[in-house]
Amino acid sequence: MKNKNFDFNLATELNLTMENEKNVYDQEGFLGKNYARKWKKNKFDFAKAQKGVNKLIVTPFARKYQNEWGIKVPNEVRSAVAKARMRAIMRRIREGEV
């Protein structure tokens, strides 16, 4: 990250909290099915997929997290968590879970 004040603890905590949420897991499953189809057709773009995960899953969850805990989640933390969640989705696709 470019920012030396990047909060790794917040990113880790947000990512772990998201992993334990059933609705996030279900949403990732739906996106995973779509991404698996695109992967098979060789039309998959990781950067666009990561943007989609950030917009559809991470940002709404981060807002909910902010309201619940009163902690501001910076955009760079959201981006890092979106990248981690995207990697988790890709791992599920490669392992055949999706």
PDB file of N, CA and C in Angstrom:
ATOM      1  N   MET A   1       0.830  -1.181   0.000  1.00  0.00           N
ATOM      2  CA  MET A   1       0.000   0.000   0.000  1.00  0.00           C
ATOM      3  C   MET A   1       0.877   1.247   0.000  1.00  0.00           C
ATOM      4  N   LYS A   2       0.389   2.285  -0.617  1.00  0.00           N
ATOM      5  CA  LYS A   2       1.126   3.537  -0.704  1.00  0.00           C
ATOM      6  C   LYS A   2       1.114   4.285   0.628  1.00  0.00           C
ATOM      7  N   ASN A   3       0.044   4.147   1.373  1.00  0.00           N
ATOM      8  CA  ASN A   3      -0.106   4.874   2.620  1.00  0.00           C
ATOM      9  C   ASN A   3       0.599   4.122   3.742  1.00  0.00           C
ATOM     10  N   LYS A   4       1.549   4.797   4.401  1.00  0.00           N
ATOM     11  CA  LYS A   4       2.270   4.126   5.472  1.00  0.00           C
ATOM     12  C   LYS A   4       1.416   3.961   6.717  1.00  0.00           C
ATOM     13  N   ASN A   5       0.273   4.634   6.776  1.00  0.00           N
ATOM     14  CA  ASN A   5      -0.626   4.516   7.915  1.00  0.00           C
ATOM     15  C   ASN A   5      -1.738   3.497   7.672  1.00  0.00           C
ATOM     16  N   PHE A   6      -1.515   2.595   6.716  1.00  0.00           N
ATOM     17  CA  PHE A   6      -2.506   1.579   6.397  1.00  0.00           C
ATOM     18  C   PHE A   6      -2.752   0.703   7.620  1.00  0.00           C
ATOM     19  N   ASP A   7      -4.012   0.479   7.942  1.00  0.00           N
ATOM     20  CA  ASP A   7      -4.384  -0.277   9.141  1.00  0.00           C
ATOM     21  C   ASP A   7      -4.596  -1.751   8.781  1.00  0.00           C
ATOM     22  N   PHE A   8      -3.530  -2.542   8.922  1.00  0.00           N
ATOM     23  CA  PHE A   8      -3.614  -3.966   8.606  1.00  0.00           C
ATOM     24  C   PHE A   8      -4.558  -4.699   9.550  1.00  0.00           C
ATOM     25  N   ASN A   9      -4.588  -4.262  10.806  1.00  0.00           N
ATOM     26  CA  ASN A   9      -5.472  -4.916  11.776  1.00  0.00           C
ATOM     27  C   ASN A   9      -6.937  -4.738  11.411  1.00  0.00           C
ATOM     28  N   LEU A  10      -7.304  -3.545  10.979  1.00  0.00           N
ATOM     29  CA  LEU A  10      -8.679  -3.290  10.566  1.00  0.00           C
ATOM     30  C   LEU A  10      -9.028  -4.114   9.327  1.00  0.00           C
ATOM     31  N   ALA A  11      -8.111  -4.189   8.369  1.00  0.00           N
ATOM     32  CA  ALA A  11      -8.351  -4.968   7.155  1.00  0.00           C
ATOM     33  C   ALA A  11      -8.522  -6.444   7.499  1.00  0.00           C
ATOM     34  N   THR A  12      -7.679  -6.958   8.378  1.00  0.00           N
ATOM     35  CA  THR A  12      -7.771  -8.361   8.792  1.00  0.00           C
ATOM     36  C   THR A  12      -9.077  -8.615   9.535  1.00  0.00           C
ATOM     37  N   GLU A  13      -9.435  -7.730  10.440  1.00  0.00           N
ATOM     38  CA  GLU A  13     -10.657  -7.890  11.216  1.00  0.00           C
ATOM     39  C   GLU A  13     -11.898  -7.843  10.319  1.00  0.00           C
ATOM     40  N   LEU A  14     -11.922  -6.902   9.387  1.00  0.00           N
ATOM     41  CA  LEU A  14     -13.056  -6.789   8.477  1.00  0.00           C
ATOM     42  C   LEU A  14     -13.168  -8.033   7.596  1.00  0.00           C
ATOM     43  N   ASN A  15     -12.030  -8.516   7.094  1.00  0.00           N
ATOM     44  CA  ASN A  15     -12.022  -9.709   6.248  1.00  0.00           C
ATOM     45  C   ASN A  15     -12.518 -10.924   7.038  1.00  0.00           C
ATOM     46  N   LEU A  16     -12.043 -11.109   8.258  1.00  0.00           N
ATOM     47  CA  LEU A  16     -12.467 -12.253   9.065  1.00  0.00           C
ATOM     48  C   LEU A  16     -13.943 -12.156   9.438  1.00  0.00           C
ATOM     49  N   THR A  17     -14.402 -10.950   9.708  1.00  0.00           N
ATOM     50  CA  THR A  17     -15.817 -10.761  10.019  1.00  0.00           C
ATOM     51  C   THR A  17     -16.673 -11.121   8.810  1.00  0.00           C
ATOM     52  N   MET A  18     -16.213 -10.746   7.621  1.00  0.00           N
ATOM     53  CA  MET A  18     -16.953 -11.063   6.399  1.00  0.00           C
ATOM     54  C   MET A  18     -16.965 -12.565   6.127  1.00  0.00           C
ATOM     55  N   GLU A  19     -15.859 -13.250   6.441  1.00  0.00           N
ATOM     56  CA  GLU A  19     -15.797 -14.693   6.220  1.00  0.00           C
ATOM     57  C   GLU A  19     -16.822 -15.441   7.064  1.00  0.00           C
ATOM     58  N   ASN A  20     -17.178 -14.869   8.200  1.00  0.00           N
ATOM     59  CA  ASN A  20     -18.100 -15.536   9.111  1.00  0.00           C
ATOM     60  C   ASN A  20     -19.559 -15.150   8.904  1.00  0.00           C
ATOM     61  N   GLU A  21     -19.842 -14.354   7.900  1.00  0.00           N
ATOM     62  CA  GLU A  21     -21.210 -13.937   7.611  1.00  0.00           C
ATOM     63  C   GLU A  21     -21.816 -14.827   6.526  1.00  0.00           C
ATOM     64  N   LYS A  22     -22.964 -15.399   6.811  1.00  0.00           N
ATOM     65  CA  LYS A  22     -23.603 -16.298   5.853  1.00  0.00           C
ATOM     66  C   LYS A  22     -24.048 -15.574   4.591  1.00  0.00           C
ATOM     67  N   ASN A  23     -24.630 -14.383   4.734  1.00  0.00           N
ATOM     68  CA  ASN A  23     -25.111 -13.679   3.546  1.00  0.00           C
ATOM     69  C   ASN A  23     -23.962 -13.261   2.630  1.00  0.00           C
ATOM     70  N   VAL A  24     -22.796 -12.948   3.192  1.00  0.00           N
ATOM     71  CA  VAL A  24     -21.620 -12.617   2.372  1.00  0.00           C
ATOM     72  C   VAL A  24     -21.176 -13.867   1.615  1.00  0.00           C
ATOM     73  N   TYR A  25     -21.165 -15.012   2.303  1.00  0.00           N
ATOM     74  CA  TYR A  25     -20.782 -16.274   1.673  1.00  0.00           C
ATOM     75  C   TYR A  25     -21.728 -16.601   0.513  1.00  0.00           C
ATOM     76  N   ASP A  26     -23.016 -16.387   0.723  1.00  0.00           N
ATOM     77  CA  ASP A  26     -23.997 -16.649  -0.337  1.00  0.00           C
ATOM     78  C   ASP A  26     -23.797 -15.705  -1.525  1.00  0.00           C
ATOM     79  N   GLN A  27     -23.575 -14.426  -1.260  1.00  0.00           N
ATOM     80  CA  GLN A  27     -23.333 -13.464  -2.338  1.00  0.00           C
ATOM     81  C   GLN A  27     -22.073 -13.823  -3.118  1.00  0.00           C
ATOM     82  N   GLU A  28     -21.037 -14.233  -2.408  1.00  0.00           N
ATOM     83  CA  GLU A  28     -19.805 -14.644  -3.072  1.00  0.00           C
ATOM     84  C   GLU A  28     -20.042 -15.887  -3.925  1.00  0.00           C
ATOM     85  N   GLY A  29     -20.947 -16.755  -3.490  1.00  0.00           N
ATOM     86  CA  GLY A  29     -21.275 -17.940  -4.280  1.00  0.00           C
ATOM     87  C   GLY A  29     -21.932 -17.563  -5.600  1.00  0.00           C
ATOM     88  N   PHE A  30     -22.852 -16.605  -5.552  1.00  0.00           N
ATOM     89  CA  PHE A  30     -23.514 -16.151  -6.777  1.00  0.00           C
ATOM     90  C   PHE A  30     -22.507 -15.498  -7.725  1.00  0.00           C
ATOM     91  N   LEU A  31     -21.653 -14.638  -7.180  1.00  0.00           N
ATOM     92  CA  LEU A  31     -20.632 -14.008  -8.014  1.00  0.00           C
ATOM     93  C   LEU A  31     -19.653 -15.056  -8.537  1.00  0.00           C
ATOM     94  N   GLY A  32     -19.329 -16.038  -7.709  1.00  0.00           N
ATOM     95  CA  GLY A  32     -18.401 -17.088  -8.110  1.00  0.00           C
ATOM     96  C   GLY A  32     -18.908 -17.877  -9.299  1.00  0.00           C
ATOM     97  N   LYS A  33     -20.208 -18.159  -9.320  1.00  0.00           N
ATOM     98  CA  LYS A  33     -20.789 -18.876 -10.464  1.00  0.00           C
ATOM     99  C   LYS A  33     -20.640 -18.058 -11.743  1.00  0.00           C
ATOM    100  N   ASN A  34     -20.903 -16.772 -11.639  1.00  0.00           N
ATOM    101  CA  ASN A  34     -20.764 -15.880 -12.790  1.00  0.00           C
ATOM    102  C   ASN A  34     -19.309 -15.809 -13.243  1.00  0.00           C
ATOM    103  N   TYR A  35     -18.396 -15.648 -12.283  1.00  0.00           N
ATOM    104  CA  TYR A  35     -16.984 -15.551 -12.618  1.00  0.00           C
ATOM    105  C   TYR A  35     -16.450 -16.859 -13.191  1.00  0.00           C
ATOM    106  N   ALA A  36     -16.961 -17.986 -12.718  1.00  0.00           N
ATOM    107  CA  ALA A  36     -16.527 -19.291 -13.251  1.00  0.00           C
ATOM    108  C   ALA A  36     -16.924 -19.422 -14.717  1.00  0.00           C
ATOM    109  N   ARG A  37     -18.125 -18.969 -15.056  1.00  0.00           N
ATOM    110  CA  ARG A  37     -18.558 -18.995 -16.463  1.00  0.00           C
ATOM    111  C   ARG A  37     -17.648 -18.128 -17.325  1.00  0.00           C
ATOM    112  N   LYS A  38     -17.337 -16.939 -16.836  1.00  0.00           N
ATOM    113  CA  LYS A  38     -16.464 -16.043 -17.592  1.00  0.00           C
ATOM    114  C   LYS A  38     -15.051 -16.619 -17.698  1.00  0.00           C
ATOM    115  N   TRP A  39     -14.581 -17.282 -16.644  1.00  0.00           N
ATOM    116  CA  TRP A  39     -13.258 -17.888 -16.649  1.00  0.00           C
ATOM    117  C   TRP A  39     -13.171 -18.962 -17.735  1.00  0.00           C
ATOM    118  N   LYS A  40     -14.215 -19.769 -17.845  1.00  0.00           N
ATOM    119  CA  LYS A  40     -14.229 -20.842 -18.840  1.00  0.00           C
ATOM    120  C   LYS A  40     -14.259 -20.288 -20.262  1.00  0.00           C
ATOM    121  N   LYS A  41     -14.880 -19.137 -20.449  1.00  0.00           N
ATOM    122  CA  LYS A  41     -14.961 -18.515 -21.782  1.00  0.00           C
ATOM    123  C   LYS A  41     -13.758 -17.618 -22.078  1.00  0.00           C
ATOM    124  N   ASN A  42     -12.800 -17.570 -21.144  1.00  0.00           N
ATOM    125  CA  ASN A  42     -11.614 -16.705 -21.269  1.00  0.00           C
ATOM    126  C   ASN A  42     -11.969 -15.228 -21.392  1.00  0.00           C
ATOM    127  N   LYS A  43     -13.024 -14.811 -20.741  1.00  0.00           N
ATOM    128  CA  LYS A  43     -13.430 -13.404 -20.745  1.00  0.00           C
ATOM    129  C   LYS A  43     -13.358 -12.800 -19.345  1.00  0.00           C
ATOM    130  N   PHE A  44     -12.633 -13.457 -18.463  1.00  0.00           N
ATOM    131  CA  PHE A  44     -12.557 -13.018 -17.072  1.00  0.00           C
ATOM    132  C   PHE A  44     -11.501 -11.934 -16.914  1.00  0.00           C
ATOM    133  N   ASP A  45     -11.841 -10.865 -16.218  1.00  0.00           N
ATOM    134  CA  ASP A  45     -10.918  -9.770 -15.918  1.00  0.00           C
ATOM    135  C   ASP A  45     -10.889  -9.590 -14.398  1.00  0.00           C
ATOM    136  N   PHE A  46      -9.743  -9.915 -13.799  1.00  0.00           N
ATOM    137  CA  PHE A  46      -9.621  -9.878 -12.342  1.00  0.00           C
ATOM    138  C   PHE A  46      -9.897  -8.487 -11.787  1.00  0.00           C
ATOM    139  N   ALA A  47      -9.395  -7.458 -12.438  1.00  0.00           N
ATOM    140  CA  ALA A  47      -9.569  -6.083 -11.936  1.00  0.00           C
ATOM    141  C   ALA A  47     -11.047  -5.684 -11.914  1.00  0.00           C
ATOM    142  N   LYS A  48     -11.764  -6.018 -12.985  1.00  0.00           N
ATOM    143  CA  LYS A  48     -13.196  -5.698 -13.022  1.00  0.00           C
ATOM    144  C   LYS A  48     -13.968  -6.516 -11.993  1.00  0.00           C
ATOM    145  N   ALA A  49     -13.578  -7.774 -11.844  1.00  0.00           N
ATOM    146  CA  ALA A  49     -14.239  -8.628 -10.856  1.00  0.00           C
ATOM    147  C   ALA A  49     -14.003  -8.107  -9.446  1.00  0.00           C
ATOM    148  N   GLN A  50     -12.780  -7.656  -9.187  1.00  0.00           N
ATOM    149  CA  GLN A  50     -12.466  -7.106  -7.876  1.00  0.00           C
ATOM    150  C   GLN A  50     -13.274  -5.841  -7.607  1.00  0.00           C
ATOM    151  N   LYS A  51     -13.457  -5.011  -8.628  1.00  0.00           N
ATOM    152  CA  LYS A  51     -14.297  -3.815  -8.489  1.00  0.00           C
ATOM    153  C   LYS A  51     -15.730  -4.203  -8.141  1.00  0.00           C
ATOM    154  N   GLY A  52     -16.219  -5.262  -8.804  1.00  0.00           N
ATOM    155  CA  GLY A  52     -17.573  -5.735  -8.528  1.00  0.00           C
ATOM    156  C   GLY A  52     -17.723  -6.237  -7.105  1.00  0.00           C
ATOM    157  N   VAL A  53     -16.741  -6.975  -6.629  1.00  0.00           N
ATOM    158  CA  VAL A  53     -16.773  -7.463  -5.247  1.00  0.00           C
ATOM    159  C   VAL A  53     -16.744  -6.291  -4.281  1.00  0.00           C
ATOM    160  N   ASN A  54     -15.917  -5.306  -4.584  1.00  0.00           N
ATOM    161  CA  ASN A  54     -15.829  -4.128  -3.726  1.00  0.00           C
ATOM    162  C   ASN A  54     -17.162  -3.387  -3.683  1.00  0.00           C
ATOM    163  N   LYS A  55     -17.771  -3.217  -4.836  1.00  0.00           N
ATOM    164  CA  LYS A  55     -19.018  -2.454  -4.919  1.00  0.00           C
ATOM    165  C   LYS A  55     -20.211  -3.219  -4.334  1.00  0.00           C
ATOM    166  N   LEU A  56     -20.303  -4.506  -4.632  1.00  0.00           N
ATOM    167  CA  LEU A  56     -21.492  -5.272  -4.264  1.00  0.00           C
ATOM    168  C   LEU A  56     -21.431  -5.911  -2.877  1.00  0.00           C
ATOM    169  N   ILE A  57     -20.235  -6.217  -2.400  1.00  0.00           N
ATOM    170  CA  ILE A  57     -20.138  -6.942  -1.134  1.00  0.00           C
ATOM    171  C   ILE A  57     -19.411  -6.131  -0.060  1.00  0.00           C
ATOM    172  N   VAL A  58     -18.210  -5.660  -0.369  1.00  0.00           N
ATOM    173  CA  VAL A  58     -17.365  -5.054   0.665  1.00  0.00           C
ATOM    174  C   VAL A  58     -17.898  -3.709   1.135  1.00  0.00           C
ATOM    175  N   THR A  59     -18.248  -2.823   0.215  1.00  0.00           N
ATOM    176  CA  THR A  59     -18.701  -1.488   0.614  1.00  0.00           C
ATOM    177  C   THR A  59     -19.974  -1.529   1.467  1.00  0.00           C
ATOM    178  N   PRO A  60     -21.014  -2.270   1.072  1.00  0.00           N
ATOM    179  CA  PRO A  60     -22.188  -2.336   1.960  1.00  0.00           C
ATOM    180  C   PRO A  60     -21.868  -2.946   3.326  1.00  0.00           C
ATOM    181  N   PHE A  61     -21.008  -3.964   3.340  1.00  0.00           N
ATOM    182  CA  PHE A  61     -20.650  -4.573   4.613  1.00  0.00           C
ATOM    183  C   PHE A  61     -19.828  -3.605   5.453  1.00  0.00           C
ATOM    184  N   ALA A  62     -18.929  -2.843   4.823  1.00  0.00           N
ATOM    185  CA  ALA A  62     -18.114  -1.873   5.554  1.00  0.00           C
ATOM    186  C   ALA A  62     -19.003  -0.777   6.151  1.00  0.00           C
ATOM    187  N   ARG A  63     -20.014  -0.356   5.427  1.00  0.00           N
ATOM    188  CA  ARG A  63     -20.951   0.648   5.968  1.00  0.00           C
ATOM    189  C   ARG A  63     -21.680   0.098   7.183  1.00  0.00           C
ATOM    190  N   LYS A  64     -22.116  -1.141   7.083  1.00  0.00           N
ATOM    191  CA  LYS A  64     -22.789  -1.799   8.212  1.00  0.00           C
ATOM    192  C   LYS A  64     -21.831  -1.898   9.400  1.00  0.00           C
ATOM    193  N   TYR A  65     -20.593  -2.254   9.114  1.00  0.00           N
ATOM    194  CA  TYR A  65     -19.561  -2.367  10.149  1.00  0.00           C
ATOM    195  C   TYR A  65     -19.315  -1.012  10.808  1.00  0.00           C
ATOM    196  N   GLN A  66     -19.238   0.050   9.994  1.00  0.00           N
ATOM    197  CA  GLN A  66     -19.036   1.396  10.519  1.00  0.00           C
ATOM    198  C   GLN A  66     -20.173   1.805  11.435  1.00  0.00           C
ATOM    199  N   ASN A  67     -21.405   1.537  11.026  1.00  0.00           N
ATOM    200  CA  ASN A  67     -22.554   1.912  11.841  1.00  0.00           C
ATOM    201  C   ASN A  67     -22.596   1.131  13.141  1.00  0.00           C
ATOM    202  N   GLU A  68     -22.198  -0.136  13.080  1.00  0.00           N
ATOM    203  CA  GLU A  68     -22.262  -0.986  14.265  1.00  0.00           C
ATOM    204  C   GLU A  68     -21.154  -0.667  15.268  1.00  0.00           C
ATOM    205  N   TRP A  69     -19.939  -0.443  14.776  1.00  0.00           N
ATOM    206  CA  TRP A  69     -18.788  -0.279  15.657  1.00  0.00           C
ATOM    207  C   TRP A  69     -18.277   1.155  15.738  1.00  0.00           C
ATOM    208  N   GLY A  70     -18.726   2.029  14.869  1.00  0.00           N
ATOM    209  CA  GLY A  70     -18.296   3.414  14.916  1.00  0.00           C
ATOM    210  C   GLY A  70     -16.863   3.626  14.454  1.00  0.00           C
ATOM    211  N   ILE A  71     -16.345   2.702  13.657  1.00  0.00           N
ATOM    212  CA  ILE A  71     -14.978   2.788  13.151  1.00  0.00           C
ATOM    213  C   ILE A  71     -15.041   3.127  11.668  1.00  0.00           C
ATOM    214  N   LYS A  72     -14.346   4.179  11.260  1.00  0.00           N
ATOM    215  CA  LYS A  72     -14.314   4.548   9.838  1.00  0.00           C
ATOM    216  C   LYS A  72     -13.425   3.566   9.092  1.00  0.00           C
ATOM    217  N   VAL A  73     -13.947   3.026   7.985  1.00  0.00           N
ATOM    218  CA  VAL A  73     -13.184   2.097   7.145  1.00  0.00           C
ATOM    219  C   VAL A  73     -12.729   2.848   5.899  1.00  0.00           C
ATOM    220  N   PRO A  74     -11.418   3.143   5.798  1.00  0.00           N
ATOM    221  CA  PRO A  74     -10.905   3.891   4.641  1.00  0.00           C
ATOM    222  C   PRO A  74     -11.032   3.093   3.339  1.00  0.00           C
ATOM    223  N   ASN A  75     -11.018   3.810   2.222  1.00  0.00           N
ATOM    224  CA  ASN A  75     -11.140   3.169   0.910  1.00  0.00           C
ATOM    225  C   ASN A  75     -10.022   2.182   0.638  1.00  0.00           C
ATOM    226  N   GLU A  76      -8.804   2.470   1.080  1.00  0.00           N
ATOM    227  CA  GLU A  76      -7.702   1.548   0.819  1.00  0.00           C
ATOM    228  C   GLU A  76      -7.874   0.237   1.588  1.00  0.00           C
ATOM    229  N   VAL A  77      -8.497   0.286   2.756  1.00  0.00           N
ATOM    230  CA  VAL A  77      -8.793  -0.943   3.499  1.00  0.00           C
ATOM    231  C   VAL A  77      -9.862  -1.734   2.766  1.00  0.00           C
ATOM    232  N   ARG A  78     -10.871  -1.027   2.250  1.00  0.00           N
ATOM    233  CA  ARG A  78     -11.928  -1.702   1.479  1.00  0.00           C
ATOM    234  C   ARG A  78     -11.350  -2.381   0.249  1.00  0.00           C
ATOM    235  N   SER A  79     -10.438  -1.706  -0.432  1.00  0.00           N
ATOM    236  CA  SER A  79      -9.805  -2.287  -1.618  1.00  0.00           C
ATOM    237  C   SER A  79      -8.999  -3.528  -1.270  1.00  0.00           C
ATOM    238  N   ALA A  80      -8.275  -3.468  -0.168  1.00  0.00           N
ATOM    239  CA  ALA A  80      -7.477  -4.625   0.255  1.00  0.00           C
ATOM    240  C   ALA A  80      -8.368  -5.800   0.627  1.00  0.00           C
ATOM    241  N   VAL A  81      -9.474  -5.517   1.289  1.00  0.00           N
ATOM    242  CA  VAL A  81     -10.410  -6.585   1.662  1.00  0.00           C
ATOM    243  C   VAL A  81     -11.080  -7.147   0.413  1.00  0.00           C
ATOM    244  N   ALA A  82     -11.409  -6.292  -0.549  1.00  0.00           N
ATOM    245  CA  ALA A  82     -12.008  -6.772  -1.798  1.00  0.00           C
ATOM    246  C   ALA A  82     -11.042  -7.694  -2.527  1.00  0.00           C
ATOM    247  N   LYS A  83      -9.768  -7.363  -2.521  1.00  0.00           N
ATOM    248  CA  LYS A  83      -8.769  -8.224  -3.161  1.00  0.00           C
ATOM    249  C   LYS A  83      -8.685  -9.571  -2.448  1.00  0.00           C
ATOM    250  N   ALA A  84      -8.721  -9.544  -1.128  1.00  0.00           N
ATOM    251  CA  ALA A  84      -8.682 -10.792  -0.361  1.00  0.00           C
ATOM    252  C   ALA A  84      -9.935 -11.639  -0.615  1.00  0.00           C
ATOM    253  N   ARG A  85     -11.099 -10.995  -0.653  1.00  0.00           N
ATOM    254  CA  ARG A  85     -12.341 -11.741  -0.908  1.00  0.00           C
ATOM    255  C   ARG A  85     -12.337 -12.300  -2.331  1.00  0.00           C
ATOM    256  N   MET A  86     -11.785 -11.538  -3.287  1.00  0.00           N
ATOM    257  CA  MET A  86     -11.707 -12.007  -4.674  1.00  0.00           C
ATOM    258  C   MET A  86     -10.801 -13.226  -4.764  1.00  0.00           C
ATOM    259  N   ARG A  87      -9.705 -13.211  -4.046  1.00  0.00           N
ATOM    260  CA  ARG A  87      -8.826 -14.377  -4.015  1.00  0.00           C
ATOM    261  C   ARG A  87      -9.539 -15.587  -3.421  1.00  0.00           C
ATOM    262  N   ALA A  88     -10.359 -15.359  -2.396  1.00  0.00           N
ATOM    263  CA  ALA A  88     -11.117 -16.460  -1.795  1.00  0.00           C
ATOM    264  C   ALA A  88     -12.124 -17.031  -2.801  1.00  0.00           C
ATOM    265  N   ILE A  89     -12.767 -16.159  -3.558  1.00  0.00           N
ATOM    266  CA  ILE A  89     -13.716 -16.613  -4.583  1.00  0.00           C
ATOM    267  C   ILE A  89     -12.991 -17.424  -5.641  1.00  0.00           C
ATOM    268  N   MET A  90     -11.838 -16.942  -6.093  1.00  0.00           N
ATOM    269  CA  MET A  90     -11.069 -17.666  -7.108  1.00  0.00           C
ATOM    270  C   MET A  90     -10.597 -19.024  -6.584  1.00  0.00           C
ATOM    271  N   ARG A  91     -10.221 -19.084  -5.309  1.00  0.00           N
ATOM    272  CA  ARG A  91      -9.830 -20.355  -4.718  1.00  0.00           C
ATOM    273  C   ARG A  91     -10.992 -21.341  -4.721  1.00  0.00           C
ATOM    274  N   ARG A  92     -12.199 -20.825  -4.396  1.00  0.00           N
ATOM    275  CA  ARG A  92     -13.393 -21.685  -4.417  1.00  0.00           C
ATOM    276  C   ARG A  92     -13.690 -22.161  -5.830  1.00  0.00           C
ATOM    277  N   ILE A  93     -13.457 -21.325  -6.831  1.00  0.00           N
ATOM    278  CA  ILE A  93     -13.685 -21.720  -8.230  1.00  0.00           C
ATOM    279  C   ILE A  93     -12.687 -22.812  -8.617  1.00  0.00           C
ATOM    280  N   ARG A  94     -11.412 -22.631  -8.282  1.00  0.00           N
ATOM    281  CA  ARG A  94     -10.391 -23.616  -8.640  1.00  0.00           C
ATOM    282  C   ARG A  94     -10.620 -24.954  -7.944  1.00  0.00           C
ATOM    283  N   GLU A  95     -11.132 -24.924  -6.726  1.00  0.00           N
ATOM    284  CA  GLU A  95     -11.378 -26.160  -5.980  1.00  0.00           C
ATOM    285  C   GLU A  95     -12.702 -26.807  -6.365  1.00  0.00           C
ATOM    286  N   GLY A  96     -13.487 -26.152  -7.203  1.00  0.00           N
ATOM    287  CA  GLY A  96     -14.731 -26.730  -7.677  1.00  0.00           C
ATOM    288  C   GLY A  96     -15.903 -26.580  -6.740  1.00  0.00           C
ATOM    289  N   GLU A  97     -15.808 -25.691  -5.757  1.00  0.00           N
ATOM    290  CA  GLU A  97     -16.905 -25.484  -4.823  1.00  0.00           C
ATOM    291  C   GLU A  97     -18.039 -24.672  -5.428  1.00  0.00           C
ATOM    292  N   VAL A  98     -17.732 -23.907  -6.462  1.00  0.00           N
ATOM    293  CA  VAL A  98     -18.738 -23.046  -7.086  1.00  0.00           C
ATOM    294  C   VAL A  98     -19.248 -23.714  -8.336  1.00  0.00           C
TER     295      VAL A  98
END
